[in-house]
Protein backbone atom coordinates (compact mmCIF):
# COMPACT_ATOMS: atom_id res chain seq x y z
CA MET A 1 70.40 -31.61 -0.08
CA ASP A 2 72.68 -33.28 2.39
CA PHE A 3 72.65 -36.79 3.75
CA SER A 4 72.91 -35.97 7.43
CA ALA A 5 72.59 -39.29 9.25
CA PRO A 6 74.67 -39.53 12.44
CA LEU A 7 77.65 -41.87 12.10
CA PRO A 8 76.74 -44.67 14.59
CA PRO A 9 73.24 -45.32 13.16
CA TYR A 10 74.62 -44.95 9.63
CA LEU A 11 77.27 -47.61 10.30
CA ALA A 12 74.59 -49.84 11.83
CA ALA A 13 72.50 -49.33 8.68
CA VAL A 14 75.49 -50.36 6.53
CA VAL A 15 75.90 -53.56 8.56
CA VAL A 16 72.17 -54.37 8.58
CA VAL A 17 71.69 -53.79 4.85
CA GLY A 18 74.94 -55.61 4.06
CA VAL A 19 73.84 -58.74 5.93
CA ALA A 20 70.40 -58.49 4.32
CA ALA A 21 71.99 -58.18 0.86
CA PHE A 22 74.04 -61.32 1.51
CA PHE A 23 70.92 -63.31 2.41
CA ASP A 24 68.86 -61.80 -0.42
CA LEU A 25 71.46 -62.78 -3.01
CA ARG A 26 72.09 -66.21 -1.52
CA GLU A 27 68.60 -67.32 -0.48
CA GLN A 28 66.31 -64.77 -2.18
CA ARG A 29 64.82 -63.88 1.19
CA ILE A 30 65.64 -61.66 4.14
CA PRO A 31 65.34 -63.35 7.54
CA ASN A 32 63.10 -61.44 9.99
CA TRP A 33 65.85 -61.06 12.58
CA ILE A 34 67.75 -58.64 10.30
CA PRO A 35 65.12 -55.86 10.06
CA VAL A 36 64.16 -56.44 13.70
CA LEU A 37 67.81 -55.88 14.66
CA GLY A 38 67.81 -52.71 12.54
CA LEU A 39 64.64 -51.41 14.18
CA VAL A 40 65.92 -52.12 17.69
CA ALA A 41 69.25 -50.45 16.88
CA GLY A 42 67.50 -47.45 15.31
CA LEU A 43 65.21 -46.97 18.29
CA GLY A 44 68.11 -47.49 20.68
CA PHE A 45 70.37 -44.94 19.00
CA ALA A 46 67.50 -42.46 18.66
CA GLY A 47 66.34 -42.83 22.25
CA TRP A 48 69.87 -42.62 23.64
CA SER A 49 70.89 -39.55 21.66
CA GLY A 50 67.59 -37.69 21.27
CA GLY A 51 65.23 -38.86 24.00
CA GLY A 52 61.54 -38.77 23.18
CA ALA A 53 62.02 -36.53 20.15
CA GLY A 54 64.67 -38.93 18.81
CA LEU A 55 62.33 -41.90 19.27
CA ALA A 56 59.57 -40.03 17.46
CA ALA A 57 61.93 -39.21 14.57
CA SER A 58 63.05 -42.85 14.41
CA LEU A 59 59.44 -44.07 14.33
CA LEU A 60 58.63 -41.52 11.62
CA GLY A 61 61.54 -42.87 9.54
CA PHE A 62 60.30 -46.41 10.18
CA ALA A 63 56.77 -45.54 9.00
CA LEU A 64 58.09 -43.66 5.96
CA GLY A 65 60.27 -46.62 4.97
CA ALA A 66 57.27 -48.93 5.13
CA VAL A 67 55.07 -46.53 3.16
CA LEU A 68 57.68 -46.05 0.42
CA VAL A 69 57.89 -49.79 -0.29
CA LEU A 70 54.23 -50.61 0.35
CA PRO A 71 53.08 -50.03 -3.28
CA GLY A 72 55.73 -52.45 -4.56
CA TYR A 73 54.71 -54.98 -1.95
CA VAL A 74 51.00 -54.65 -2.75
CA LEU A 75 51.71 -55.06 -6.47
CA GLY A 76 53.84 -58.14 -5.80
CA GLN A 77 57.06 -56.56 -7.02
CA GLN A 78 58.75 -56.62 -3.62
CA GLY A 79 58.58 -59.01 -0.72
CA GLY A 80 57.75 -58.46 2.90
CA GLY A 81 61.44 -58.64 3.80
CA ASP A 82 62.14 -55.71 1.48
CA LEU A 83 59.40 -53.69 3.15
CA LYS A 84 60.64 -54.51 6.65
CA LEU A 85 64.25 -53.78 5.70
CA MET A 86 63.39 -50.35 4.25
CA ALA A 87 61.37 -49.58 7.39
CA ALA A 88 64.32 -50.61 9.59
CA LEU A 89 66.63 -48.40 7.53
CA GLY A 90 64.18 -45.55 8.07
CA SER A 91 64.39 -46.18 11.80
CA LEU A 92 68.18 -45.99 11.66
CA LEU A 93 68.63 -43.12 9.22
CA GLY A 94 65.60 -40.92 9.83
CA ALA A 95 63.10 -39.56 7.32
CA LYS A 96 65.17 -37.08 5.29
CA PRO A 97 68.23 -39.31 4.77
CA LEU A 98 65.86 -42.20 3.97
CA LEU A 99 64.17 -40.18 1.21
CA LEU A 100 67.54 -39.41 -0.35
CA MET A 101 68.63 -43.04 -0.03
CA PHE A 102 65.31 -44.19 -1.53
CA ALA A 103 65.83 -41.98 -4.60
CA LEU A 104 69.22 -43.63 -5.10
CA PHE A 105 67.67 -47.05 -4.49
CA LEU A 106 65.19 -46.48 -7.34
CA ALA A 107 68.03 -45.41 -9.64
CA VAL A 108 70.13 -48.45 -8.70
CA VAL A 109 67.19 -50.82 -9.30
CA GLY A 110 66.57 -49.21 -12.69
CA VAL A 111 70.21 -49.52 -13.75
CA TRP A 112 70.33 -53.10 -12.43
CA ALA A 113 67.22 -54.00 -14.44
CA VAL A 114 68.58 -52.47 -17.65
CA ILE A 115 71.90 -54.29 -17.20
CA SER A 116 70.05 -57.56 -16.54
CA VAL A 117 68.05 -57.17 -19.74
CA ALA A 118 71.14 -56.30 -21.78
CA ALA A 119 73.27 -59.06 -20.24
CA THR A 120 70.81 -61.91 -20.61
CA ARG A 121 69.42 -61.10 -24.07
CA VAL A 122 66.82 -63.78 -23.55
CA ARG A 123 64.67 -64.42 -26.60
CA SER A 124 61.16 -65.79 -26.54
CA PRO A 125 59.90 -67.99 -29.42
CA GLU A 126 58.24 -64.87 -30.90
CA GLY A 127 61.36 -62.68 -30.69
CA TRP A 128 62.56 -60.21 -28.10
CA SER A 129 60.55 -60.19 -24.91
CA LEU A 130 59.56 -56.58 -25.52
CA GLY A 131 57.28 -57.76 -28.34
CA ARG A 132 54.64 -58.81 -25.85
CA TYR A 133 54.23 -55.17 -24.80
CA GLY A 134 53.47 -54.26 -28.41
CA ARG A 135 50.87 -57.03 -28.56
CA MET A 136 49.31 -55.79 -25.31
CA LEU A 137 49.19 -52.22 -26.67
CA ARG A 138 47.72 -53.40 -29.98
CA GLY A 139 45.05 -55.33 -28.07
CA LEU A 140 44.22 -52.27 -26.00
CA LEU A 141 43.91 -50.05 -29.07
CA THR A 142 41.80 -52.51 -31.06
CA THR A 143 39.51 -53.85 -28.32
CA GLY A 144 39.60 -51.06 -25.75
CA ARG A 145 40.47 -53.63 -23.05
CA LEU A 146 43.79 -54.13 -21.35
CA VAL A 147 44.98 -57.73 -21.61
CA TYR A 148 48.08 -58.87 -19.76
CA ILE A 149 50.35 -61.28 -21.60
CA PRO A 150 52.72 -62.89 -19.09
CA PRO A 151 56.35 -63.40 -20.04
CA PRO A 152 57.30 -66.90 -21.18
CA ASP A 153 59.33 -69.07 -18.80
CA GLY A 154 62.96 -68.03 -18.72
CA ASP A 155 62.20 -64.59 -20.16
CA VAL A 156 64.19 -61.66 -18.81
CA ALA A 157 60.93 -59.92 -17.82
CA GLY A 158 60.39 -62.64 -15.23
CA LEU A 159 63.78 -62.10 -13.58
CA ARG A 160 63.79 -60.70 -10.05
CA VAL A 161 65.94 -57.73 -9.13
CA PRO A 162 66.91 -58.34 -5.49
CA ALA A 163 66.12 -55.24 -3.47
CA ALA A 164 68.50 -55.60 -0.52
CA PRO A 165 71.71 -55.36 -2.61
CA ALA A 166 70.27 -52.30 -4.36
CA MET A 167 69.47 -50.81 -0.94
CA ALA A 168 73.04 -51.56 0.17
CA VAL A 169 74.48 -49.74 -2.84
CA ALA A 170 72.13 -46.80 -2.20
CA VAL A 171 73.09 -46.61 1.49
CA LEU A 172 76.79 -46.63 0.59
CA LEU A 173 76.39 -44.04 -2.20
CA ALA A 174 74.08 -41.64 -0.35
CA PRO A 175 76.77 -39.78 1.63
CA LEU A 176 78.86 -39.44 -1.55
CA VAL A 177 76.02 -38.25 -3.77
CA PHE A 178 74.42 -36.00 -1.13
CA PRO A 179 77.43 -34.75 0.92
């Protein structure tokens, strides 16, 4: 598979996701003007270079970006800014490049999470934070009911993996991984 996003919208995506990553790391939020700027740029590039078909492709990418992040948003794992940013990236990159970038995004988030767990080595009073999963499984097997045991304060399981920096890494890696 190849990452075939045209250069001007790709460069705009790099700028948009880079600014969003800065805000996400600094303030743990993505201001609305960033994804709006990405959407406007995506529609502008698409309309200018592809006319009506280009606009339709840009809107398809926008919708796909929103749909890809929607489950994480509904489950409370990602914020509205993450959803809007992924949709804006879809508008800029188009559907196929967005799917490739999203696969890399998931890999980057997974690696980031594993590194966070290994780096913090946070212990709860009962031992490693993974012990609560064993207690939840034991409860399920003995009672037949799923009981959620939240992580204690300060536990690594409660740490947030900021999505915009992971999206930025994925956007930068996509042309290298999928030439």
